[in-house]
Amino acid sequence: QKWPQSACMRVGAMVGPYLGQPQGPWMGLGTFGTSRWSWASRCCVAVVLLAGHHVWWSNSSGGMEVAAPRVRAQEDPNNAHAKAPVGEWPRPAEIPGMEESNLIVRVDIDPAIIAAVELGAAGVARLMAKSGGEILATMGQEGWVVKTVDEAKGIFELSLPSVRQEFAGCVISIPAPIFRATVRDTSAKEGGYTERLQGDLILQNGKDILKVELGFPFRTTLAVSAAAWTRAKVGSNSGAVQVSSYVEIGLNVPKVPGVSNVLQYFVKSYGKDSTVQCAEALARGADKERDISDWVASGLRAAGEQLDSVMNPKKESK
């Protein structure tokens, strides 16, 4: 009818350190087996204690998410195919901070295909005929800064705008990230897609770059270091702009339950949004690639419309 008091005290001593109370109230669990506790109460408390101990053990004894020195993140079922590019240019040899990471997130971003509204395929073709550095500059959006390091080798420096995202009761922010970009001309073809270039971007200022503000259960702010690189592929697809990317980010995640899941979601969301925004910027740039024939055609259309309005004036309605 009663559970051994010594066994209950050992359970309290086991779970207490996880909750920051190695002694005190938790040692009072020795009364757990006495007649003062109903069987329903005993079962509920036992489940809570075992669950708490499981969480503590997972996060302090080599759990999947935070085990040292380096552990892959559990793959999201929707991104289980994500892997480093094979049969292409090799992975960058040096990625600052990657070896110190305890969580690696790898994501393949689906291609973003955006049409040029005004000039269509003609504008896209003219854009793709430019140099890699010019295409990279066109990809730059508001707040981007593109500096040439070595144009002959296709090396550039990119400074992107700061980021702040709110979701699931927390806020993640990043100051302006700086990337070293290496651009290479390519010519791969598949179906309607013709690749124009590949660019490898490597994060340069990843030390404590992510600020994670948690609001539940206790308000706290964490600084997370990141090591990252992405391979972007740019080309045309049936007359539209196409951009896709592979992202690999190493994070030095603190031992706080749930933080790794939040960061994985942020990485995937940020990667997808950035890819779409780059494709949209290139499509807008393609619409600006007019040549003399476009200007002549535009002028003739305007003149024709003006002549038509003179020859066929609209009657005023009575």
C-alpha atoms as a PDB file:
ATOM      1  CA  GLN A   1       0.000   0.000   0.000  1.00  0.00           C
ATOM      2  CA  LYS A   2       2.929   2.372   0.546  1.00  0.00           C
ATOM      3  CA  TRP A   3       5.959   3.165  -1.663  1.00  0.00           C
ATOM      4  CA  PRO A   4       9.358   2.997   0.081  1.00  0.00           C
ATOM      5  CA  GLN A   5      10.199   6.436   1.428  1.00  0.00           C
ATOM      6  CA  SER A   6      13.911   6.042   0.665  1.00  0.00           C
ATOM      7  CA  ALA A   7      13.164   5.345  -3.019  1.00  0.00           C
ATOM      8  CA  CYS A   8      11.014   8.463  -3.283  1.00  0.00           C
ATOM      9  CA  MET A   9      13.764  10.572  -1.698  1.00  0.00           C
ATOM     10  CA  ARG A  10      16.208   9.253  -4.297  1.00  0.00           C
ATOM     11  CA  VAL A  11      13.810  10.313  -7.082  1.00  0.00           C
ATOM     12  CA  GLY A  12      13.633  13.779  -5.536  1.00  0.00           C
ATOM     13  CA  ALA A  13      17.417  13.993  -5.359  1.00  0.00           C
ATOM     14  CA  MET A  14      17.672  12.893  -9.000  1.00  0.00           C
ATOM     15  CA  VAL A  15      15.180  15.420 -10.407  1.00  0.00           C
ATOM     16  CA  GLY A  16      15.980  18.277  -8.030  1.00  0.00           C
ATOM     17  CA  PRO A  17      19.256  19.364  -9.695  1.00  0.00           C
ATOM     18  CA  TYR A  18      17.502  19.730 -13.074  1.00  0.00           C
ATOM     19  CA  LEU A  19      15.009  22.121 -11.502  1.00  0.00           C
ATOM     20  CA  GLY A  20      17.724  24.023  -9.653  1.00  0.00           C
ATOM     21  CA  GLN A  21      16.621  22.779  -6.227  1.00  0.00           C
ATOM     22  CA  PRO A  22      18.926  19.922  -5.165  1.00  0.00           C
ATOM     23  CA  GLN A  23      17.497  20.045  -1.647  1.00  0.00           C
ATOM     24  CA  GLY A  24      14.635  21.681   0.146  1.00  0.00           C
ATOM     25  CA  PRO A  25      11.083  20.973  -1.105  1.00  0.00           C
ATOM     26  CA  TRP A  26      12.177  18.228  -3.476  1.00  0.00           C
ATOM     27  CA  MET A  27      13.628  16.141  -0.692  1.00  0.00           C
ATOM     28  CA  GLY A  28      10.177  16.294   0.849  1.00  0.00           C
ATOM     29  CA  LEU A  29       9.041  13.846  -1.811  1.00  0.00           C
ATOM     30  CA  GLY A  30       9.788  11.216   0.792  1.00  0.00           C
ATOM     31  CA  THR A  31       6.124  11.590   1.799  1.00  0.00           C
ATOM     32  CA  PHE A  32       5.215  10.490  -1.749  1.00  0.00           C
ATOM     33  CA  GLY A  33       4.659   6.905  -0.630  1.00  0.00           C
ATOM     34  CA  THR A  34       2.665   7.679   2.495  1.00  0.00           C
ATOM     35  CA  SER A  35      -1.068   7.407   2.916  1.00  0.00           C
ATOM     36  CA  ARG A  36      -1.396  11.170   2.498  1.00  0.00           C
ATOM     37  CA  TRP A  37      -1.024  10.689  -1.293  1.00  0.00           C
ATOM     38  CA  SER A  38      -3.850   9.134  -3.340  1.00  0.00           C
ATOM     39  CA  TRP A  39      -2.975   6.638  -6.069  1.00  0.00           C
ATOM     40  CA  ALA A  40      -4.085   9.160  -8.751  1.00  0.00           C
ATOM     41  CA  SER A  41      -1.759  11.804  -7.277  1.00  0.00           C
ATOM     42  CA  ARG A  42       1.124   9.333  -7.143  1.00  0.00           C
ATOM     43  CA  CYS A  43       0.676   8.405 -10.818  1.00  0.00           C
ATOM     44  CA  CYS A  44       0.508  12.047 -11.985  1.00  0.00           C
ATOM     45  CA  VAL A  45       3.566  13.086 -10.022  1.00  0.00           C
ATOM     46  CA  ALA A  46       5.510  10.019 -11.197  1.00  0.00           C
ATOM     47  CA  VAL A  47       4.819  10.872 -14.854  1.00  0.00           C
ATOM     48  CA  VAL A  48       5.913  14.492 -14.355  1.00  0.00           C
ATOM     49  CA  LEU A  49       9.094  13.442 -12.574  1.00  0.00           C
ATOM     50  CA  LEU A  50      10.059  10.884 -15.210  1.00  0.00           C
ATOM     51  CA  ALA A  51       9.363  13.324 -18.042  1.00  0.00           C
ATOM     52  CA  GLY A  52      11.426  16.010 -16.337  1.00  0.00           C
ATOM     53  CA  HIS A  53      14.298  13.614 -15.814  1.00  0.00           C
ATOM     54  CA  HIS A  54      14.159  12.560 -19.488  1.00  0.00           C
ATOM     55  CA  VAL A  55      14.381  16.195 -20.638  1.00  0.00           C
ATOM     56  CA  TRP A  56      17.234  16.892 -18.253  1.00  0.00           C
ATOM     57  CA  TRP A  57      19.139  13.793 -19.376  1.00  0.00           C
ATOM     58  CA  SER A  58      18.624  14.590 -23.074  1.00  0.00           C
ATOM     59  CA  ASN A  59      20.037  18.078 -22.626  1.00  0.00           C
ATOM     60  CA  SER A  60      22.978  17.281 -20.373  1.00  0.00           C
ATOM     61  CA  SER A  61      24.181  13.814 -21.391  1.00  0.00           C
ATOM     62  CA  GLY A  62      24.898  13.950 -25.103  1.00  0.00           C
ATOM     63  CA  GLY A  63      21.347  14.562 -26.388  1.00  0.00           C
ATOM     64  CA  MET A  64      20.784  14.832 -30.122  1.00  0.00           C
ATOM     65  CA  GLU A  65      20.397  18.596 -30.121  1.00  0.00           C
ATOM     66  CA  VAL A  66      23.270  19.818 -27.980  1.00  0.00           C
ATOM     67  CA  ALA A  67      25.818  17.038 -27.676  1.00  0.00           C
ATOM     68  CA  ALA A  68      29.428  18.183 -27.961  1.00  0.00           C
ATOM     69  CA  PRO A  69      31.445  18.700 -29.962  1.00  0.00           C
ATOM     70  CA  ARG A  70      29.305  18.428 -33.078  1.00  0.00           C
ATOM     71  CA  VAL A  71      25.944  16.821 -33.828  1.00  0.00           C
ATOM     72  CA  ARG A  72      23.668  17.072 -36.830  1.00  0.00           C
ATOM     73  CA  ALA A  73      20.195  18.454 -36.301  1.00  0.00           C
ATOM     74  CA  GLN A  74      17.286  16.103 -36.681  1.00  0.00           C
ATOM     75  CA  GLU A  75      16.083  16.648 -40.241  1.00  0.00           C
ATOM     76  CA  ASP A  76      12.628  18.066 -40.875  1.00  0.00           C
ATOM     77  CA  PRO A  77      10.667  15.468 -42.938  1.00  0.00           C
ATOM     78  CA  ASN A  78      10.073  18.145 -45.587  1.00  0.00           C
ATOM     79  CA  ASN A  79      13.816  18.726 -45.947  1.00  0.00           C
ATOM     80  CA  ALA A  80      15.146  15.213 -45.425  1.00  0.00           C
ATOM     81  CA  HIS A  81      16.679  15.313 -48.922  1.00  0.00           C
ATOM     82  CA  ALA A  82      18.943  18.228 -48.002  1.00  0.00           C
ATOM     83  CA  LYS A  83      22.586  17.405 -48.573  1.00  0.00           C
ATOM     84  CA  ALA A  84      25.757  19.099 -49.714  1.00  0.00           C
ATOM     85  CA  PRO A  85      25.893  19.629 -53.502  1.00  0.00           C
ATOM     86  CA  VAL A  86      27.389  16.609 -55.255  1.00  0.00           C
ATOM     87  CA  GLY A  87      29.124  16.552 -58.626  1.00  0.00           C
ATOM     88  CA  GLU A  88      29.655  20.318 -58.563  1.00  0.00           C
ATOM     89  CA  TRP A  89      32.261  22.687 -57.280  1.00  0.00           C
ATOM     90  CA  PRO A  90      33.682  21.412 -53.965  1.00  0.00           C
ATOM     91  CA  ARG A  91      32.404  22.640 -50.633  1.00  0.00           C
ATOM     92  CA  PRO A  92      34.374  25.664 -49.336  1.00  0.00           C
ATOM     93  CA  ALA A  93      37.463  24.476 -47.464  1.00  0.00           C
ATOM     94  CA  GLU A  94      37.251  27.054 -44.663  1.00  0.00           C
ATOM     95  CA  ILE A  95      34.042  28.174 -42.982  1.00  0.00           C
ATOM     96  CA  PRO A  96      34.844  30.271 -39.894  1.00  0.00           C
ATOM     97  CA  GLY A  97      33.435  28.730 -36.710  1.00  0.00           C
ATOM     98  CA  MET A  98      31.918  25.585 -38.250  1.00  0.00           C
ATOM     99  CA  GLU A  99      34.118  23.211 -36.229  1.00  0.00           C
ATOM    100  CA  GLU A 100      32.938  24.744 -32.941  1.00  0.00           C
ATOM    101  CA  SER A 101      29.246  24.271 -33.759  1.00  0.00           C
ATOM    102  CA  ASN A 102      27.117  21.752 -31.870  1.00  0.00           C
ATOM    103  CA  LEU A 103      24.112  21.921 -34.204  1.00  0.00           C
ATOM    104  CA  ILE A 104      24.237  21.765 -38.016  1.00  0.00           C
ATOM    105  CA  VAL A 105      21.213  22.745 -40.106  1.00  0.00           C
ATOM    106  CA  ARG A 106      21.190  21.864 -43.806  1.00  0.00           C
ATOM    107  CA  VAL A 107      18.406  23.018 -46.128  1.00  0.00           C
ATOM    108  CA  ASP A 108      17.770  22.807 -49.876  1.00  0.00           C
ATOM    109  CA  ILE A 109      15.670  25.807 -50.897  1.00  0.00           C
ATOM    110  CA  ASP A 110      13.267  25.123 -53.741  1.00  0.00           C
ATOM    111  CA  PRO A 111      13.843  27.246 -56.878  1.00  0.00           C
ATOM    112  CA  ALA A 112      12.108  30.623 -57.001  1.00  0.00           C
ATOM    113  CA  ILE A 113      10.994  31.427 -60.573  1.00  0.00           C
ATOM    114  CA  ILE A 114       9.955  35.034 -61.249  1.00  0.00           C
ATOM    115  CA  ALA A 115       9.049  36.501 -64.657  1.00  0.00           C
ATOM    116  CA  ALA A 116      10.119  39.932 -65.876  1.00  0.00           C
ATOM    117  CA  VAL A 117       6.794  41.734 -66.224  1.00  0.00           C
ATOM    118  CA  GLU A 118       7.691  44.367 -68.845  1.00  0.00           C
ATOM    119  CA  LEU A 119      10.444  42.918 -71.039  1.00  0.00           C
ATOM    120  CA  GLY A 120       9.899  39.229 -70.452  1.00  0.00           C
ATOM    121  CA  ALA A 121      12.392  36.755 -71.902  1.00  0.00           C
ATOM    122  CA  ALA A 122      14.277  39.470 -73.824  1.00  0.00           C
ATOM    123  CA  GLY A 123      15.115  41.376 -70.621  1.00  0.00           C
ATOM    124  CA  VAL A 124      16.115  38.182 -68.805  1.00  0.00           C
ATOM    125  CA  ALA A 125      18.413  37.164 -71.688  1.00  0.00           C
ATOM    126  CA  ARG A 126      20.170  40.551 -71.621  1.00  0.00           C
ATOM    127  CA  LEU A 127      20.614  40.331 -67.856  1.00  0.00           C
ATOM    128  CA  MET A 128      22.126  36.849 -68.096  1.00  0.00           C
ATOM    129  CA  ALA A 129      24.558  38.103 -70.749  1.00  0.00           C
ATOM    130  CA  LYS A 130      26.185  40.413 -68.173  1.00  0.00           C
ATOM    131  CA  SER A 131      29.192  39.523 -66.032  1.00  0.00           C
ATOM    132  CA  GLY A 132      28.813  37.633 -62.770  1.00  0.00           C
ATOM    133  CA  GLY A 133      29.675  40.733 -60.750  1.00  0.00           C
ATOM    134  CA  GLU A 134      27.001  42.774 -62.530  1.00  0.00           C
ATOM    135  CA  ILE A 135      24.388  40.087 -61.935  1.00  0.00           C
ATOM    136  CA  LEU A 136      25.375  39.935 -58.270  1.00  0.00           C
ATOM    137  CA  ALA A 137      24.998  43.704 -58.005  1.00  0.00           C
ATOM    138  CA  THR A 138      21.563  43.467 -59.656  1.00  0.00           C
ATOM    139  CA  MET A 139      20.567  40.850 -57.095  1.00  0.00           C
ATOM    140  CA  GLY A 140      21.393  43.326 -54.347  1.00  0.00           C
ATOM    141  CA  GLN A 141      18.263  44.766 -52.788  1.00  0.00           C
ATOM    142  CA  GLU A 142      17.654  47.873 -50.756  1.00  0.00           C
ATOM    143  CA  GLY A 143      20.183  48.004 -47.929  1.00  0.00           C
ATOM    144  CA  TRP A 144      22.694  45.685 -49.657  1.00  0.00           C
ATOM    145  CA  VAL A 145      26.273  46.829 -50.116  1.00  0.00           C
ATOM    146  CA  VAL A 146      28.366  44.977 -52.735  1.00  0.00           C
ATOM    147  CA  LYS A 147      32.123  45.599 -52.770  1.00  0.00           C
ATOM    148  CA  THR A 148      34.568  44.181 -55.317  1.00  0.00           C
ATOM    149  CA  VAL A 149      37.511  42.345 -53.724  1.00  0.00           C
ATOM    150  CA  ASP A 150      39.039  40.674 -56.806  1.00  0.00           C
ATOM    151  CA  GLU A 151      36.878  40.886 -59.913  1.00  0.00           C
ATOM    152  CA  ALA A 152      39.206  38.663 -61.973  1.00  0.00           C
ATOM    153  CA  LYS A 153      38.724  35.841 -59.430  1.00  0.00           C
ATOM    154  CA  GLY A 154      35.045  36.624 -58.914  1.00  0.00           C
ATOM    155  CA  ILE A 155      35.448  37.557 -55.250  1.00  0.00           C
ATOM    156  CA  PHE A 156      33.130  40.121 -53.659  1.00  0.00           C
ATOM    157  CA  GLU A 157      32.011  41.228 -50.193  1.00  0.00           C
ATOM    158  CA  LEU A 158      28.330  41.567 -49.379  1.00  0.00           C
ATOM    159  CA  SER A 159      26.834  43.413 -46.451  1.00  0.00           C
ATOM    160  CA  LEU A 160      23.144  42.643 -45.981  1.00  0.00           C
ATOM    161  CA  PRO A 161      20.488  44.466 -43.942  1.00  0.00           C
ATOM    162  CA  SER A 162      19.848  43.509 -40.328  1.00  0.00           C
ATOM    163  CA  VAL A 163      17.045  41.038 -39.617  1.00  0.00           C
ATOM    164  CA  ARG A 164      14.381  40.818 -36.918  1.00  0.00           C
ATOM    165  CA  GLN A 165      11.710  38.122 -36.842  1.00  0.00           C
ATOM    166  CA  GLU A 166       9.049  37.465 -34.220  1.00  0.00           C
ATOM    167  CA  PHE A 167       7.318  34.111 -33.870  1.00  0.00           C
ATOM    168  CA  ALA A 168       6.218  31.547 -31.292  1.00  0.00           C
ATOM    169  CA  GLY A 169       6.654  33.914 -28.382  1.00  0.00           C
ATOM    170  CA  CYS A 170      10.279  34.780 -29.129  1.00  0.00           C
ATOM    171  CA  VAL A 171      12.293  37.261 -31.188  1.00  0.00           C
ATOM    172  CA  ILE A 172      15.401  36.493 -33.266  1.00  0.00           C
ATOM    173  CA  SER A 173      17.494  39.374 -34.560  1.00  0.00           C
ATOM    174  CA  ILE A 174      20.740  39.640 -36.537  1.00  0.00           C
ATOM    175  CA  PRO A 175      22.880  42.730 -37.125  1.00  0.00           C
ATOM    176  CA  ALA A 176      24.083  43.307 -40.683  1.00  0.00           C
ATOM    177  CA  PRO A 177      25.688  39.990 -41.766  1.00  0.00           C
ATOM    178  CA  ILE A 178      28.823  40.195 -43.910  1.00  0.00           C
ATOM    179  CA  PHE A 179      29.545  37.534 -46.538  1.00  0.00           C
ATOM    180  CA  ARG A 180      32.559  36.765 -48.712  1.00  0.00           C
ATOM    181  CA  ALA A 181      31.114  35.781 -52.107  1.00  0.00           C
ATOM    182  CA  THR A 182      32.872  33.815 -54.838  1.00  0.00           C
ATOM    183  CA  VAL A 183      31.061  33.832 -58.195  1.00  0.00           C
ATOM    184  CA  ARG A 184      31.699  31.333 -61.021  1.00  0.00           C
ATOM    185  CA  ASP A 185      30.277  31.177 -64.549  1.00  0.00           C
ATOM    186  CA  THR A 186      28.374  27.963 -65.298  1.00  0.00           C
ATOM    187  CA  SER A 187      26.302  26.648 -68.201  1.00  0.00           C
ATOM    188  CA  ALA A 188      24.351  23.638 -66.906  1.00  0.00           C
ATOM    189  CA  LYS A 189      21.040  22.926 -68.634  1.00  0.00           C
ATOM    190  CA  GLU A 190      18.038  20.899 -67.535  1.00  0.00           C
ATOM    191  CA  GLY A 191      14.697  21.120 -69.312  1.00  0.00           C
ATOM    192  CA  GLY A 192      13.823  24.784 -69.712  1.00  0.00           C
ATOM    193  CA  TYR A 193      16.435  25.849 -67.170  1.00  0.00           C
ATOM    194  CA  THR A 194      19.789  27.291 -68.235  1.00  0.00           C
ATOM    195  CA  GLU A 195      22.195  28.058 -65.411  1.00  0.00           C
ATOM    196  CA  ARG A 196      24.232  31.238 -65.662  1.00  0.00           C
ATOM    197  CA  LEU A 197      26.325  31.232 -62.479  1.00  0.00           C
ATOM    198  CA  GLN A 198      26.893  29.793 -59.022  1.00  0.00           C
ATOM    199  CA  GLY A 199      27.895  31.838 -56.012  1.00  0.00           C
ATOM    200  CA  ASP A 200      29.271  30.625 -52.671  1.00  0.00           C
ATOM    201  CA  LEU A 201      28.614  32.999 -49.771  1.00  0.00           C
ATOM    202  CA  ILE A 202      30.510  32.483 -46.500  1.00  0.00           C
ATOM    203  CA  LEU A 203      29.553  34.354 -43.317  1.00  0.00           C
ATOM    204  CA  GLN A 204      32.415  36.414 -41.912  1.00  0.00           C
ATOM    205  CA  ASN A 205      31.020  37.931 -38.685  1.00  0.00           C
ATOM    206  CA  GLY A 206      29.250  34.993 -37.053  1.00  0.00           C
ATOM    207  CA  LYS A 207      30.511  35.440 -33.479  1.00  0.00           C
ATOM    208  CA  ASP A 208      27.447  35.947 -31.219  1.00  0.00           C
ATOM    209  CA  ILE A 209      25.554  37.174 -34.290  1.00  0.00           C
ATOM    210  CA  LEU A 210      22.119  35.820 -33.360  1.00  0.00           C
ATOM    211  CA  LYS A 211      20.199  37.372 -30.508  1.00  0.00           C
ATOM    212  CA  VAL A 212      17.397  35.139 -29.226  1.00  0.00           C
ATOM    213  CA  GLU A 213      14.867  36.762 -26.898  1.00  0.00           C
ATOM    214  CA  LEU A 214      12.667  34.249 -25.085  1.00  0.00           C
ATOM    215  CA  GLY A 215       9.452  35.343 -23.410  1.00  0.00           C
ATOM    216  CA  PHE A 216       8.301  32.013 -21.932  1.00  0.00           C
ATOM    217  CA  PRO A 217       8.565  30.562 -19.380  1.00  0.00           C
ATOM    218  CA  PHE A 218      11.148  33.118 -18.235  1.00  0.00           C
ATOM    219  CA  ARG A 219      12.168  36.252 -20.094  1.00  0.00           C
ATOM    220  CA  THR A 220      15.798  35.869 -21.134  1.00  0.00           C
ATOM    221  CA  THR A 221      18.166  36.819 -23.973  1.00  0.00           C
ATOM    222  CA  LEU A 222      20.701  34.438 -25.515  1.00  0.00           C
ATOM    223  CA  ALA A 223      23.635  35.165 -27.831  1.00  0.00           C
ATOM    224  CA  VAL A 224      24.274  32.428 -30.401  1.00  0.00           C
ATOM    225  CA  SER A 225      27.326  32.179 -32.660  1.00  0.00           C
ATOM    226  CA  ALA A 226      26.835  30.972 -36.224  1.00  0.00           C
ATOM    227  CA  ALA A 227      28.998  29.626 -39.043  1.00  0.00           C
ATOM    228  CA  ALA A 228      27.290  29.630 -42.414  1.00  0.00           C
ATOM    229  CA  TRP A 229      27.699  29.196 -46.109  1.00  0.00           C
ATOM    230  CA  THR A 230      25.229  29.027 -48.967  1.00  0.00           C
ATOM    231  CA  ARG A 231      25.500  28.092 -52.618  1.00  0.00           C
ATOM    232  CA  ALA A 232      23.180  30.117 -54.819  1.00  0.00           C
ATOM    233  CA  LYS A 233      22.413  29.118 -58.399  1.00  0.00           C
ATOM    234  CA  VAL A 234      21.160  31.746 -60.833  1.00  0.00           C
ATOM    235  CA  GLY A 235      19.812  31.232 -64.328  1.00  0.00           C
ATOM    236  CA  SER A 236      16.807  31.510 -66.599  1.00  0.00           C
ATOM    237  CA  ASN A 237      13.872  29.157 -66.932  1.00  0.00           C
ATOM    238  CA  SER A 238      11.606  29.467 -69.979  1.00  0.00           C
ATOM    239  CA  GLY A 239      12.246  33.191 -70.148  1.00  0.00           C
ATOM    240  CA  ALA A 240      11.938  33.870 -66.395  1.00  0.00           C
ATOM    241  CA  VAL A 241      14.561  34.325 -63.677  1.00  0.00           C
ATOM    242  CA  GLN A 242      15.321  31.294 -61.483  1.00  0.00           C
ATOM    243  CA  VAL A 243      17.233  31.285 -58.192  1.00  0.00           C
ATOM    244  CA  SER A 244      17.793  28.308 -55.908  1.00  0.00           C
ATOM    245  CA  SER A 245      20.104  27.776 -52.954  1.00  0.00           C
ATOM    246  CA  TYR A 246      21.591  25.249 -50.576  1.00  0.00           C
ATOM    247  CA  VAL A 247      22.145  26.495 -47.018  1.00  0.00           C
ATOM    248  CA  GLU A 248      24.382  25.014 -44.314  1.00  0.00           C
ATOM    249  CA  ILE A 249      24.550  26.712 -40.930  1.00  0.00           C
ATOM    250  CA  GLY A 250      26.442  25.633 -37.822  1.00  0.00           C
ATOM    251  CA  LEU A 251      25.169  27.002 -34.523  1.00  0.00           C
ATOM    252  CA  ASN A 252      26.631  27.001 -31.041  1.00  0.00           C
ATOM    253  CA  VAL A 253      23.339  26.447 -29.222  1.00  0.00           C
ATOM    254  CA  PRO A 254      23.055  26.955 -25.444  1.00  0.00           C
ATOM    255  CA  LYS A 255      21.666  24.085 -23.372  1.00  0.00           C
ATOM    256  CA  VAL A 256      18.147  25.506 -23.226  1.00  0.00           C
ATOM    257  CA  PRO A 257      15.297  23.144 -24.189  1.00  0.00           C
ATOM    258  CA  GLY A 258      13.464  24.148 -27.365  1.00  0.00           C
ATOM    259  CA  VAL A 259      15.958  26.743 -28.601  1.00  0.00           C
ATOM    260  CA  SER A 260      17.401  24.497 -31.298  1.00  0.00           C
ATOM    261  CA  ASN A 261      13.924  23.916 -32.783  1.00  0.00           C
ATOM    262  CA  VAL A 262      13.288  27.660 -32.911  1.00  0.00           C
ATOM    263  CA  LEU A 263      16.629  28.274 -34.624  1.00  0.00           C
ATOM    264  CA  GLN A 264      16.036  25.529 -37.190  1.00  0.00           C
ATOM    265  CA  TYR A 265      12.692  27.081 -38.097  1.00  0.00           C
ATOM    266  CA  PHE A 266      14.324  30.509 -38.386  1.00  0.00           C
ATOM    267  CA  VAL A 267      17.095  29.218 -40.677  1.00  0.00           C
ATOM    268  CA  LYS A 268      14.630  27.581 -43.061  1.00  0.00           C
ATOM    269  CA  SER A 269      12.290  30.583 -43.096  1.00  0.00           C
ATOM    270  CA  TYR A 270      15.116  33.088 -43.601  1.00  0.00           C
ATOM    271  CA  GLY A 271      16.681  30.997 -46.393  1.00  0.00           C
ATOM    272  CA  LYS A 272      13.403  30.667 -48.291  1.00  0.00           C
ATOM    273  CA  ASP A 273      12.519  34.360 -47.976  1.00  0.00           C
ATOM    274  CA  SER A 274      16.003  35.462 -49.070  1.00  0.00           C
ATOM    275  CA  THR A 275      15.917  33.216 -52.157  1.00  0.00           C
ATOM    276  CA  VAL A 276      12.555  34.597 -53.278  1.00  0.00           C
ATOM    277  CA  GLN A 277      13.671  38.187 -52.659  1.00  0.00           C
ATOM    278  CA  CYS A 278      16.817  37.678 -54.750  1.00  0.00           C
ATOM    279  CA  ALA A 279      14.769  36.271 -57.643  1.00  0.00           C
ATOM    280  CA  GLU A 280      12.377  39.222 -57.440  1.00  0.00           C
ATOM    281  CA  ALA A 281      15.292  41.681 -57.485  1.00  0.00           C
ATOM    282  CA  LEU A 282      16.756  40.010 -60.585  1.00  0.00           C
ATOM    283  CA  ALA A 283      13.373  40.091 -62.350  1.00  0.00           C
ATOM    284  CA  ARG A 284      13.092  43.815 -61.644  1.00  0.00           C
ATOM    285  CA  GLY A 285      16.612  44.255 -62.968  1.00  0.00           C
ATOM    286  CA  ALA A 286      15.724  42.342 -66.141  1.00  0.00           C
ATOM    287  CA  ASP A 287      12.887  44.800 -66.759  1.00  0.00           C
ATOM    288  CA  LYS A 288      15.456  47.608 -66.898  1.00  0.00           C
ATOM    289  CA  GLU A 289      17.599  45.914 -69.553  1.00  0.00           C
ATOM    290  CA  ARG A 290      16.282  47.851 -72.539  1.00  0.00           C
ATOM    291  CA  ASP A 291      18.205  48.257 -75.777  1.00  0.00           C
ATOM    292  CA  ILE A 292      17.691  50.687 -78.675  1.00  0.00           C
ATOM    293  CA  SER A 293      14.983  48.522 -80.250  1.00  0.00           C
ATOM    294  CA  ASP A 294      12.929  48.685 -77.046  1.00  0.00           C
ATOM    295  CA  TRP A 295      13.187  52.464 -76.960  1.00  0.00           C
ATOM    296  CA  VAL A 296      12.219  52.723 -80.644  1.00  0.00           C
ATOM    297  CA  ALA A 297       9.289  50.352 -80.209  1.00  0.00           C
ATOM    298  CA  SER A 298       8.138  52.230 -77.124  1.00  0.00           C
ATOM    299  CA  GLY A 299       8.395  55.552 -78.980  1.00  0.00           C
ATOM    300  CA  LEU A 300       6.442  54.232 -81.970  1.00  0.00           C
ATOM    301  CA  ARG A 301       3.694  52.921 -79.709  1.00  0.00           C
ATOM    302  CA  ALA A 302       3.410  56.265 -77.951  1.00  0.00           C
ATOM    303  CA  ALA A 303       3.351  58.145 -81.282  1.00  0.00           C
ATOM    304  CA  GLY A 304       0.710  55.769 -82.653  1.00  0.00           C
ATOM    305  CA  GLU A 305      -1.495  56.236 -79.614  1.00  0.00           C
ATOM    306  CA  GLN A 306      -1.172  60.029 -79.863  1.00  0.00           C
ATOM    307  CA  LEU A 307      -1.979  60.021 -83.597  1.00  0.00           C
ATOM    308  CA  ASP A 308      -4.987  57.790 -83.015  1.00  0.00           C
ATOM    309  CA  SER A 309      -6.320  60.180 -80.383  1.00  0.00           C
ATOM    310  CA  VAL A 310      -6.033  63.078 -82.871  1.00  0.00           C
ATOM    311  CA  MET A 311      -7.591  61.231 -85.816  1.00  0.00           C
ATOM    312  CA  ASN A 312     -10.329  59.632 -83.773  1.00  0.00           C
ATOM    313  CA  PRO A 313     -11.280  62.026 -80.992  1.00  0.00           C
ATOM    314  CA  LYS A 314     -13.701  60.659 -78.452  1.00  0.00           C
ATOM    315  CA  LYS A 315     -17.149  62.238 -78.593  1.00  0.00           C
ATOM    316  CA  GLU A 316     -18.201  64.009 -75.447  1.00  0.00           C
ATOM    317  CA  SER A 317     -21.094  62.348 -73.802  1.00  0.00           C
ATOM    318  CA  LYS A 318     -24.245  64.453 -73.520  1.00  0.00           C
END
